[in-house]
Amino acid sequence: MTPEAVLDIAMQGLLIAAKLAAPLLVTALVVGFAISLLQSITQIQEVTLSFVPKAIAVALALVVCGNWMMSEAIAFTLGMFDRVPHLLSGG
């Protein structure tokens, strides 16, 4: 296996990880910011007020994006399995 192949696989792995994590992280960021803004306006400092809506929003994002996330992960895995013979031959 050449160093270029290793770097290509690593880059593809990092990109797919970022693509799969993005919907959940962006959802948590937006909801967390909105709740923090609400807390600062009303001066209510309750920990569960921040956690529960964020958990619900992330679960909802997972339900909405879950099918796409699974298809991306499966496509990446199948692509890696398809590359195994080429990687083992050294070409």
PDB file of N, CA and C in Angstrom:
ATOM      1  N   MET A   1       0.850  -1.162   0.000  1.00  0.00           N
ATOM      2  CA  MET A   1       0.000   0.000   0.000  1.00  0.00           C
ATOM      3  C   MET A   1       0.902   1.232   0.000  1.00  0.00           C
ATOM      4  N   THR A   2       0.642   2.136  -0.899  1.00  0.00           N
ATOM      5  CA  THR A   2       1.487   3.313  -1.039  1.00  0.00           C
ATOM      6  C   THR A   2       1.086   4.383  -0.024  1.00  0.00           C
ATOM      7  N   PRO A   3       2.008   5.276   0.286  1.00  0.00           N
ATOM      8  CA  PRO A   3       1.660   6.373   1.204  1.00  0.00           C
ATOM      9  C   PRO A   3       0.525   7.257   0.663  1.00  0.00           C
ATOM     10  N   GLU A   4       0.461   7.396  -0.658  1.00  0.00           N
ATOM     11  CA  GLU A   4      -0.617   8.187  -1.239  1.00  0.00           C
ATOM     12  C   GLU A   4      -1.979   7.541  -0.998  1.00  0.00           C
ATOM     13  N   ALA A   5      -2.027   6.222  -1.077  1.00  0.00           N
ATOM     14  CA  ALA A   5      -3.286   5.507  -0.829  1.00  0.00           C
ATOM     15  C   ALA A   5      -3.709   5.651   0.632  1.00  0.00           C
ATOM     16  N   VAL A   6      -2.737   5.574   1.525  1.00  0.00           N
ATOM     17  CA  VAL A   6      -3.041   5.720   2.951  1.00  0.00           C
ATOM     18  C   VAL A   6      -3.579   7.124   3.230  1.00  0.00           C
ATOM     19  N   LEU A   7      -2.928   8.131   2.665  1.00  0.00           N
ATOM     20  CA  LEU A   7      -3.386   9.503   2.861  1.00  0.00           C
ATOM     21  C   LEU A   7      -4.755   9.731   2.237  1.00  0.00           C
ATOM     22  N   ASP A   8      -5.013   9.114   1.092  1.00  0.00           N
ATOM     23  CA  ASP A   8      -6.315   9.251   0.451  1.00  0.00           C
ATOM     24  C   ASP A   8      -7.411   8.628   1.298  1.00  0.00           C
ATOM     25  N   ILE A   9      -7.148   7.447   1.832  1.00  0.00           N
ATOM     26  CA  ILE A   9      -8.132   6.783   2.698  1.00  0.00           C
ATOM     27  C   ILE A   9      -8.361   7.597   3.966  1.00  0.00           C
ATOM     28  N   ALA A  10      -7.292   8.127   4.550  1.00  0.00           N
ATOM     29  CA  ALA A  10      -7.433   8.935   5.761  1.00  0.00           C
ATOM     30  C   ALA A  10      -8.244  10.195   5.472  1.00  0.00           C
ATOM     31  N   MET A  11      -7.972  10.846   4.341  1.00  0.00           N
ATOM     32  CA  MET A  11      -8.707  12.057   3.985  1.00  0.00           C
ATOM     33  C   MET A  11     -10.189  11.742   3.758  1.00  0.00           C
ATOM     34  N   GLN A  12     -10.468  10.654   3.047  1.00  0.00           N
ATOM     35  CA  GLN A  12     -11.861  10.269   2.825  1.00  0.00           C
ATOM     36  C   GLN A  12     -12.560   9.928   4.142  1.00  0.00           C
ATOM     37  N   GLY A  13     -11.840   9.274   5.043  1.00  0.00           N
ATOM     38  CA  GLY A  13     -12.420   8.945   6.349  1.00  0.00           C
ATOM     39  C   GLY A  13     -12.742  10.187   7.161  1.00  0.00           C
ATOM     40  N   LEU A  14     -11.843  11.163   7.144  1.00  0.00           N
ATOM     41  CA  LEU A  14     -12.106  12.406   7.870  1.00  0.00           C
ATOM     42  C   LEU A  14     -13.261  13.187   7.244  1.00  0.00           C
ATOM     43  N   LEU A  15     -13.329  13.189   5.921  1.00  0.00           N
ATOM     44  CA  LEU A  15     -14.426  13.899   5.258  1.00  0.00           C
ATOM     45  C   LEU A  15     -15.780  13.256   5.544  1.00  0.00           C
ATOM     46  N   ILE A  16     -15.828  11.935   5.514  1.00  0.00           N
ATOM     47  CA  ILE A  16     -17.103  11.266   5.783  1.00  0.00           C
ATOM     48  C   ILE A  16     -17.492  11.453   7.252  1.00  0.00           C
ATOM     49  N   ALA A  17     -16.525  11.461   8.149  1.00  0.00           N
ATOM     50  CA  ALA A  17     -16.828  11.705   9.562  1.00  0.00           C
ATOM     51  C   ALA A  17     -17.386  13.110   9.762  1.00  0.00           C
ATOM     52  N   ALA A  18     -16.804  14.091   9.084  1.00  0.00           N
ATOM     53  CA  ALA A  18     -17.302  15.458   9.195  1.00  0.00           C
ATOM     54  C   ALA A  18     -18.700  15.583   8.587  1.00  0.00           C
ATOM     55  N   LYS A  19     -18.924  14.937   7.439  1.00  0.00           N
ATOM     56  CA  LYS A  19     -20.238  14.992   6.804  1.00  0.00           C
ATOM     57  C   LYS A  19     -21.307  14.342   7.676  1.00  0.00           C
ATOM     58  N   LEU A  20     -20.963  13.247   8.339  1.00  0.00           N
ATOM     59  CA  LEU A  20     -21.946  12.548   9.161  1.00  0.00           C
ATOM     60  C   LEU A  20     -22.220  13.280  10.473  1.00  0.00           C
ATOM     61  N   ALA A  21     -21.219  13.968  10.999  1.00  0.00           N
ATOM     62  CA  ALA A  21     -21.397  14.665  12.271  1.00  0.00           C
ATOM     63  C   ALA A  21     -22.022  16.042  12.111  1.00  0.00           C
ATOM     64  N   ALA A  22     -21.898  16.633  10.933  1.00  0.00           N
ATOM     65  CA  ALA A  22     -22.332  18.016  10.730  1.00  0.00           C
ATOM     66  C   ALA A  22     -23.805  18.279  11.056  1.00  0.00           C
ATOM     67  N   PRO A  23     -24.752  17.482  10.585  1.00  0.00           N
ATOM     68  CA  PRO A  23     -26.154  17.819  10.893  1.00  0.00           C
ATOM     69  C   PRO A  23     -26.455  17.831  12.391  1.00  0.00           C
ATOM     70  N   LEU A  24     -25.896  16.887  13.119  1.00  0.00           N
ATOM     71  CA  LEU A  24     -26.154  16.828  14.557  1.00  0.00           C
ATOM     72  C   LEU A  24     -25.445  17.955  15.295  1.00  0.00           C
ATOM     73  N   LEU A  25     -24.209  18.239  14.907  1.00  0.00           N
ATOM     74  CA  LEU A  25     -23.457  19.293  15.584  1.00  0.00           C
ATOM     75  C   LEU A  25     -24.037  20.671  15.303  1.00  0.00           C
ATOM     76  N   VAL A  26     -24.430  20.909  14.066  1.00  0.00           N
ATOM     77  CA  VAL A  26     -25.016  22.213  13.720  1.00  0.00           C
ATOM     78  C   VAL A  26     -26.350  22.394  14.446  1.00  0.00           C
ATOM     79  N   THR A  27     -27.140  21.340  14.517  1.00  0.00           N
ATOM     80  CA  THR A  27     -28.410  21.413  15.241  1.00  0.00           C
ATOM     81  C   THR A  27     -28.176  21.728  16.712  1.00  0.00           C
ATOM     82  N   ALA A  28     -27.239  21.034  17.331  1.00  0.00           N
ATOM     83  CA  ALA A  28     -26.940  21.290  18.741  1.00  0.00           C
ATOM     84  C   ALA A  28     -26.409  22.707  18.942  1.00  0.00           C
ATOM     85  N   LEU A  29     -25.609  23.182  18.007  1.00  0.00           N
ATOM     86  CA  LEU A  29     -25.066  24.533  18.109  1.00  0.00           C
ATOM     87  C   LEU A  29     -26.165  25.582  18.019  1.00  0.00           C
ATOM     88  N   VAL A  30     -27.052  25.446  17.045  1.00  0.00           N
ATOM     89  CA  VAL A  30     -28.117  26.434  16.851  1.00  0.00           C
ATOM     90  C   VAL A  30     -29.082  26.430  18.036  1.00  0.00           C
ATOM     91  N   VAL A  31     -29.497  25.254  18.467  1.00  0.00           N
ATOM     92  CA  VAL A  31     -30.440  25.179  19.594  1.00  0.00           C
ATOM     93  C   VAL A  31     -29.767  25.652  20.880  1.00  0.00           C
ATOM     94  N   GLY A  32     -28.511  25.277  21.085  1.00  0.00           N
ATOM     95  CA  GLY A  32     -27.790  25.738  22.274  1.00  0.00           C
ATOM     96  C   GLY A  32     -27.637  27.243  22.299  1.00  0.00           C
ATOM     97  N   PHE A  33     -27.353  27.830  21.140  1.00  0.00           N
ATOM     98  CA  PHE A  33     -27.244  29.292  21.073  1.00  0.00           C
ATOM     99  C   PHE A  33     -28.579  29.952  21.360  1.00  0.00           C
ATOM    100  N   ALA A  34     -29.651  29.420  20.779  1.00  0.00           N
ATOM    101  CA  ALA A  34     -30.981  30.001  21.003  1.00  0.00           C
ATOM    102  C   ALA A  34     -31.383  29.911  22.466  1.00  0.00           C
ATOM    103  N   ILE A  35     -31.134  28.785  23.094  1.00  0.00           N
ATOM    104  CA  ILE A  35     -31.476  28.618  24.501  1.00  0.00           C
ATOM    105  C   ILE A  35     -30.609  29.518  25.377  1.00  0.00           C
ATOM    106  N   SER A  36     -29.327  29.640  25.046  1.00  0.00           N
ATOM    107  CA  SER A  36     -28.451  30.526  25.812  1.00  0.00           C
ATOM    108  C   SER A  36     -28.892  31.976  25.689  1.00  0.00           C
ATOM    109  N   LEU A  37     -29.310  32.358  24.498  1.00  0.00           N
ATOM    110  CA  LEU A  37     -29.826  33.709  24.304  1.00  0.00           C
ATOM    111  C   LEU A  37     -31.083  33.926  25.132  1.00  0.00           C
ATOM    112  N   LEU A  38     -31.975  32.956  25.121  1.00  0.00           N
ATOM    113  CA  LEU A  38     -33.195  33.035  25.922  1.00  0.00           C
ATOM    114  C   LEU A  38     -32.869  33.115  27.410  1.00  0.00           C
ATOM    115  N   GLN A  39     -31.898  32.315  27.853  1.00  0.00           N
ATOM    116  CA  GLN A  39     -31.517  32.329  29.260  1.00  0.00           C
ATOM    117  C   GLN A  39     -30.895  33.660  29.659  1.00  0.00           C
ATOM    118  N   SER A  40     -30.104  34.241  28.765  1.00  0.00           N
ATOM    119  CA  SER A  40     -29.484  35.520  29.111  1.00  0.00           C
ATOM    120  C   SER A  40     -30.515  36.648  29.117  1.00  0.00           C
ATOM    121  N   ILE A  41     -31.529  36.562  28.264  1.00  0.00           N
ATOM    122  CA  ILE A  41     -32.568  37.591  28.251  1.00  0.00           C
ATOM    123  C   ILE A  41     -33.433  37.494  29.509  1.00  0.00           C
ATOM    124  N   THR A  42     -33.820  36.280  29.869  1.00  0.00           N
ATOM    125  CA  THR A  42     -34.721  36.092  31.017  1.00  0.00           C
ATOM    126  C   THR A  42     -33.976  35.881  32.327  1.00  0.00           C
ATOM    127  N   GLN A  43     -32.679  35.737  32.293  1.00  0.00           N
ATOM    128  CA  GLN A  43     -31.828  35.497  33.452  1.00  0.00           C
ATOM    129  C   GLN A  43     -32.228  34.237  34.218  1.00  0.00           C
ATOM    130  N   ILE A  44     -32.719  33.240  33.486  1.00  0.00           N
ATOM    131  CA  ILE A  44     -33.006  31.926  34.070  1.00  0.00           C
ATOM    132  C   ILE A  44     -31.786  31.057  33.816  1.00  0.00           C
ATOM    133  N   GLN A  45     -31.162  30.587  34.868  1.00  0.00           N
ATOM    134  CA  GLN A  45     -29.948  29.778  34.731  1.00  0.00           C
ATOM    135  C   GLN A  45     -30.224  28.349  35.204  1.00  0.00           C
ATOM    136  N   GLU A  46     -30.959  27.623  34.420  1.00  0.00           N
ATOM    137  CA  GLU A  46     -31.288  26.237  34.729  1.00  0.00           C
ATOM    138  C   GLU A  46     -30.583  25.330  33.732  1.00  0.00           C
ATOM    139  N   VAL A  47     -29.853  24.344  34.233  1.00  0.00           N
ATOM    140  CA  VAL A  47     -29.065  23.461  33.376  1.00  0.00           C
ATOM    141  C   VAL A  47     -29.964  22.612  32.490  1.00  0.00           C
ATOM    142  N   THR A  48     -31.054  22.102  33.040  1.00  0.00           N
ATOM    143  CA  THR A  48     -31.924  21.235  32.247  1.00  0.00           C
ATOM    144  C   THR A  48     -32.622  22.000  31.142  1.00  0.00           C
ATOM    145  N   LEU A  49     -32.789  23.314  31.314  1.00  0.00           N
ATOM    146  CA  LEU A  49     -33.403  24.118  30.262  1.00  0.00           C
ATOM    147  C   LEU A  49     -32.519  24.149  29.022  1.00  0.00           C
ATOM    148  N   SER A  50     -31.229  24.009  29.223  1.00  0.00           N
ATOM    149  CA  SER A  50     -30.306  23.974  28.088  1.00  0.00           C
ATOM    150  C   SER A  50     -30.174  22.569  27.505  1.00  0.00           C
ATOM    151  N   PHE A  51     -30.182  21.568  28.360  1.00  0.00           N
ATOM    152  CA  PHE A  51     -29.897  20.198  27.911  1.00  0.00           C
ATOM    153  C   PHE A  51     -31.077  19.532  27.213  1.00  0.00           C
ATOM    154  N   VAL A  52     -32.249  19.627  27.771  1.00  0.00           N
ATOM    155  CA  VAL A  52     -33.402  18.886  27.257  1.00  0.00           C
ATOM    156  C   VAL A  52     -33.790  19.323  25.835  1.00  0.00           C
ATOM    157  N   PRO A  53     -33.935  20.623  25.546  1.00  0.00           N
ATOM    158  CA  PRO A  53     -34.269  20.992  24.166  1.00  0.00           C
ATOM    159  C   PRO A  53     -33.174  20.603  23.167  1.00  0.00           C
ATOM    160  N   LYS A  54     -31.916  20.687  23.611  1.00  0.00           N
ATOM    161  CA  LYS A  54     -30.818  20.306  22.724  1.00  0.00           C
ATOM    162  C   LYS A  54     -30.869  18.810  22.424  1.00  0.00           C
ATOM    163  N   ALA A  55     -31.150  17.999  23.431  1.00  0.00           N
ATOM    164  CA  ALA A  55     -31.241  16.552  23.223  1.00  0.00           C
ATOM    165  C   ALA A  55     -32.419  16.207  22.311  1.00  0.00           C
ATOM    166  N   ILE A  56     -33.530  16.889  22.490  1.00  0.00           N
ATOM    167  CA  ILE A  56     -34.696  16.637  21.640  1.00  0.00           C
ATOM    168  C   ILE A  56     -34.403  17.053  20.197  1.00  0.00           C
ATOM    169  N   ALA A  57     -33.756  18.203  20.023  1.00  0.00           N
ATOM    170  CA  ALA A  57     -33.446  18.680  18.666  1.00  0.00           C
ATOM    171  C   ALA A  57     -32.446  17.761  17.972  1.00  0.00           C
ATOM    172  N   VAL A  58     -31.460  17.271  18.696  1.00  0.00           N
ATOM    173  CA  VAL A  58     -30.489  16.355  18.102  1.00  0.00           C
ATOM    174  C   VAL A  58     -31.162  15.028  17.737  1.00  0.00           C
ATOM    175  N   ALA A  59     -32.043  14.549  18.591  1.00  0.00           N
ATOM    176  CA  ALA A  59     -32.780  13.322  18.265  1.00  0.00           C
ATOM    177  C   ALA A  59     -33.650  13.525  17.032  1.00  0.00           C
ATOM    178  N   LEU A  60     -34.284  14.678  16.916  1.00  0.00           N
ATOM    179  CA  LEU A  60     -35.096  14.983  15.739  1.00  0.00           C
ATOM    180  C   LEU A  60     -34.227  15.082  14.485  1.00  0.00           C
ATOM    181  N   ALA A  61     -33.062  15.698  14.612  1.00  0.00           N
ATOM    182  CA  ALA A  61     -32.138  15.783  13.469  1.00  0.00           C
ATOM    183  C   ALA A  61     -31.657  14.392  13.064  1.00  0.00           C
ATOM    184  N   LEU A  62     -31.455  13.525  14.038  1.00  0.00           N
ATOM    185  CA  LEU A  62     -31.046  12.152  13.739  1.00  0.00           C
ATOM    186  C   LEU A  62     -32.147  11.397  13.001  1.00  0.00           C
ATOM    187  N   VAL A  63     -33.395  11.628  13.389  1.00  0.00           N
ATOM    188  CA  VAL A  63     -34.516  10.985  12.693  1.00  0.00           C
ATOM    189  C   VAL A  63     -34.617  11.511  11.262  1.00  0.00           C
ATOM    190  N   VAL A  64     -34.436  12.823  11.099  1.00  0.00           N
ATOM    191  CA  VAL A  64     -34.571  13.427   9.766  1.00  0.00           C
ATOM    192  C   VAL A  64     -33.404  13.030   8.866  1.00  0.00           C
ATOM    193  N   CYS A  65     -32.189  13.070   9.394  1.00  0.00           N
ATOM    194  CA  CYS A  65     -30.987  12.835   8.573  1.00  0.00           C
ATOM    195  C   CYS A  65     -30.443  11.410   8.671  1.00  0.00           C
ATOM    196  N   GLY A  66     -31.056  10.580   9.474  1.00  0.00           N
ATOM    197  CA  GLY A  66     -30.522   9.242   9.716  1.00  0.00           C
ATOM    198  C   GLY A  66     -30.395   8.388   8.470  1.00  0.00           C
ATOM    199  N   ASN A  67     -31.395   8.439   7.611  1.00  0.00           N
ATOM    200  CA  ASN A  67     -31.365   7.638   6.383  1.00  0.00           C
ATOM    201  C   ASN A  67     -30.204   8.073   5.489  1.00  0.00           C
ATOM    202  N   TRP A  68     -30.042   9.375   5.336  1.00  0.00           N
ATOM    203  CA  TRP A  68     -28.936   9.895   4.528  1.00  0.00           C
ATOM    204  C   TRP A  68     -27.589   9.525   5.157  1.00  0.00           C
ATOM    205  N   MET A  69     -27.504   9.627   6.466  1.00  0.00           N
ATOM    206  CA  MET A  69     -26.245   9.306   7.151  1.00  0.00           C
ATOM    207  C   MET A  69     -25.880   7.831   6.963  1.00  0.00           C
ATOM    208  N   MET A  70     -26.869   6.964   7.075  1.00  0.00           N
ATOM    209  CA  MET A  70     -26.607   5.534   6.884  1.00  0.00           C
ATOM    210  C   MET A  70     -26.199   5.231   5.450  1.00  0.00           C
ATOM    211  N   SER A  71     -26.860   5.856   4.487  1.00  0.00           N
ATOM    212  CA  SER A  71     -26.508   5.597   3.088  1.00  0.00           C
ATOM    213  C   SER A  71     -25.102   6.102   2.774  1.00  0.00           C
ATOM    214  N   GLU A  72     -24.699   7.235   3.345  1.00  0.00           N
ATOM    215  CA  GLU A  72     -23.336   7.743   3.152  1.00  0.00           C
ATOM    216  C   GLU A  72     -22.309   6.796   3.780  1.00  0.00           C
ATOM    217  N   ALA A  73     -22.593   6.326   4.982  1.00  0.00           N
ATOM    218  CA  ALA A  73     -21.662   5.416   5.663  1.00  0.00           C
ATOM    219  C   ALA A  73     -21.545   4.090   4.907  1.00  0.00           C
ATOM    220  N   ILE A  74     -22.662   3.597   4.415  1.00  0.00           N
ATOM    221  CA  ILE A  74     -22.638   2.342   3.659  1.00  0.00           C
ATOM    222  C   ILE A  74     -21.891   2.515   2.350  1.00  0.00           C
ATOM    223  N   ALA A  75     -22.116   3.646   1.662  1.00  0.00           N
ATOM    224  CA  ALA A  75     -21.407   3.902   0.403  1.00  0.00           C
ATOM    225  C   ALA A  75     -19.901   4.006   0.637  1.00  0.00           C
ATOM    226  N   PHE A  76     -19.505   4.661   1.715  1.00  0.00           N
ATOM    227  CA  PHE A  76     -18.084   4.755   2.041  1.00  0.00           C
ATOM    228  C   PHE A  76     -17.491   3.382   2.332  1.00  0.00           C
ATOM    229  N   THR A  77     -18.204   2.585   3.115  1.00  0.00           N
ATOM    230  CA  THR A  77     -17.713   1.253   3.465  1.00  0.00           C
ATOM    231  C   THR A  77     -17.600   0.367   2.237  1.00  0.00           C
ATOM    232  N   LEU A  78     -18.609   0.396   1.380  1.00  0.00           N
ATOM    233  CA  LEU A  78     -18.556  -0.403   0.156  1.00  0.00           C
ATOM    234  C   LEU A  78     -17.416   0.062  -0.752  1.00  0.00           C
ATOM    235  N   GLY A  79     -17.195   1.362  -0.801  1.00  0.00           N
ATOM    236  CA  GLY A  79     -16.071   1.882  -1.580  1.00  0.00           C
ATOM    237  C   GLY A  79     -14.733   1.397  -1.049  1.00  0.00           C
ATOM    238  N   MET A  80     -14.623   1.325   0.275  1.00  0.00           N
ATOM    239  CA  MET A  80     -13.380   0.819   0.879  1.00  0.00           C
ATOM    240  C   MET A  80     -13.200  -0.667   0.583  1.00  0.00           C
ATOM    241  N   PHE A  81     -14.293  -1.431   0.651  1.00  0.00           N
ATOM    242  CA  PHE A  81     -14.194  -2.856   0.326  1.00  0.00           C
ATOM    243  C   PHE A  81     -13.841  -3.069  -1.143  1.00  0.00           C
ATOM    244  N   ASP A  82     -14.349  -2.215  -2.010  1.00  0.00           N
ATOM    245  CA  ASP A  82     -14.009  -2.322  -3.431  1.00  0.00           C
ATOM    246  C   ASP A  82     -12.540  -2.006  -3.688  1.00  0.00           C
ATOM    247  N   ARG A  83     -11.938  -1.192  -2.846  1.00  0.00           N
ATOM    248  CA  ARG A  83     -10.535  -0.815  -3.028  1.00  0.00           C
ATOM    249  C   ARG A  83      -9.555  -1.847  -2.481  1.00  0.00           C
ATOM    250  N   VAL A  84     -10.017  -2.804  -1.686  1.00  0.00           N
ATOM    251  CA  VAL A  84      -9.110  -3.777  -1.055  1.00  0.00           C
ATOM    252  C   VAL A  84      -8.259  -4.537  -2.072  1.00  0.00           C
ATOM    253  N   PRO A  85      -8.818  -5.100  -3.134  1.00  0.00           N
ATOM    254  CA  PRO A  85      -7.943  -5.813  -4.073  1.00  0.00           C
ATOM    255  C   PRO A  85      -6.867  -4.916  -4.704  1.00  0.00           C
ATOM    256  N   HIS A  86      -7.249  -3.686  -5.030  1.00  0.00           N
ATOM    257  CA  HIS A  86      -6.290  -2.751  -5.613  1.00  0.00           C
ATOM    258  C   HIS A  86      -5.198  -2.390  -4.604  1.00  0.00           C
ATOM    259  N   LEU A  87      -5.590  -2.226  -3.343  1.00  0.00           N
ATOM    260  CA  LEU A  87      -4.596  -1.880  -2.328  1.00  0.00           C
ATOM    261  C   LEU A  87      -3.650  -3.032  -2.020  1.00  0.00           C
ATOM    262  N   LEU A  88      -4.182  -4.252  -2.045  1.00  0.00           N
ATOM    263  CA  LEU A  88      -3.336  -5.412  -1.754  1.00  0.00           C
ATOM    264  C   LEU A  88      -2.388  -5.747  -2.888  1.00  0.00           C
ATOM    265  N   SER A  89      -2.777  -5.403  -4.116  1.00  0.00           N
ATOM    266  CA  SER A  89      -1.904  -5.695  -5.246  1.00  0.00           C
ATOM    267  C   SER A  89      -0.743  -4.723  -5.318  1.00  0.00           C
ATOM    268  N   GLY A  90      -0.858  -3.597  -4.588  1.00  0.00           N
ATOM    269  CA  GLY A  90       0.239  -2.627  -4.576  1.00  0.00           C
ATOM    270  C   GLY A  90       0.217  -1.693  -5.742  1.00  0.00           C
ATOM    271  N   GLY A  91      -0.828  -1.725  -6.549  1.00  0.00           N
ATOM    272  CA  GLY A  91      -0.872  -0.889  -7.745  1.00  0.00           C
ATOM    273  C   GLY A  91      -1.648   0.328  -7.615  1.00  0.00           C
TER     274      GLY A  91
END
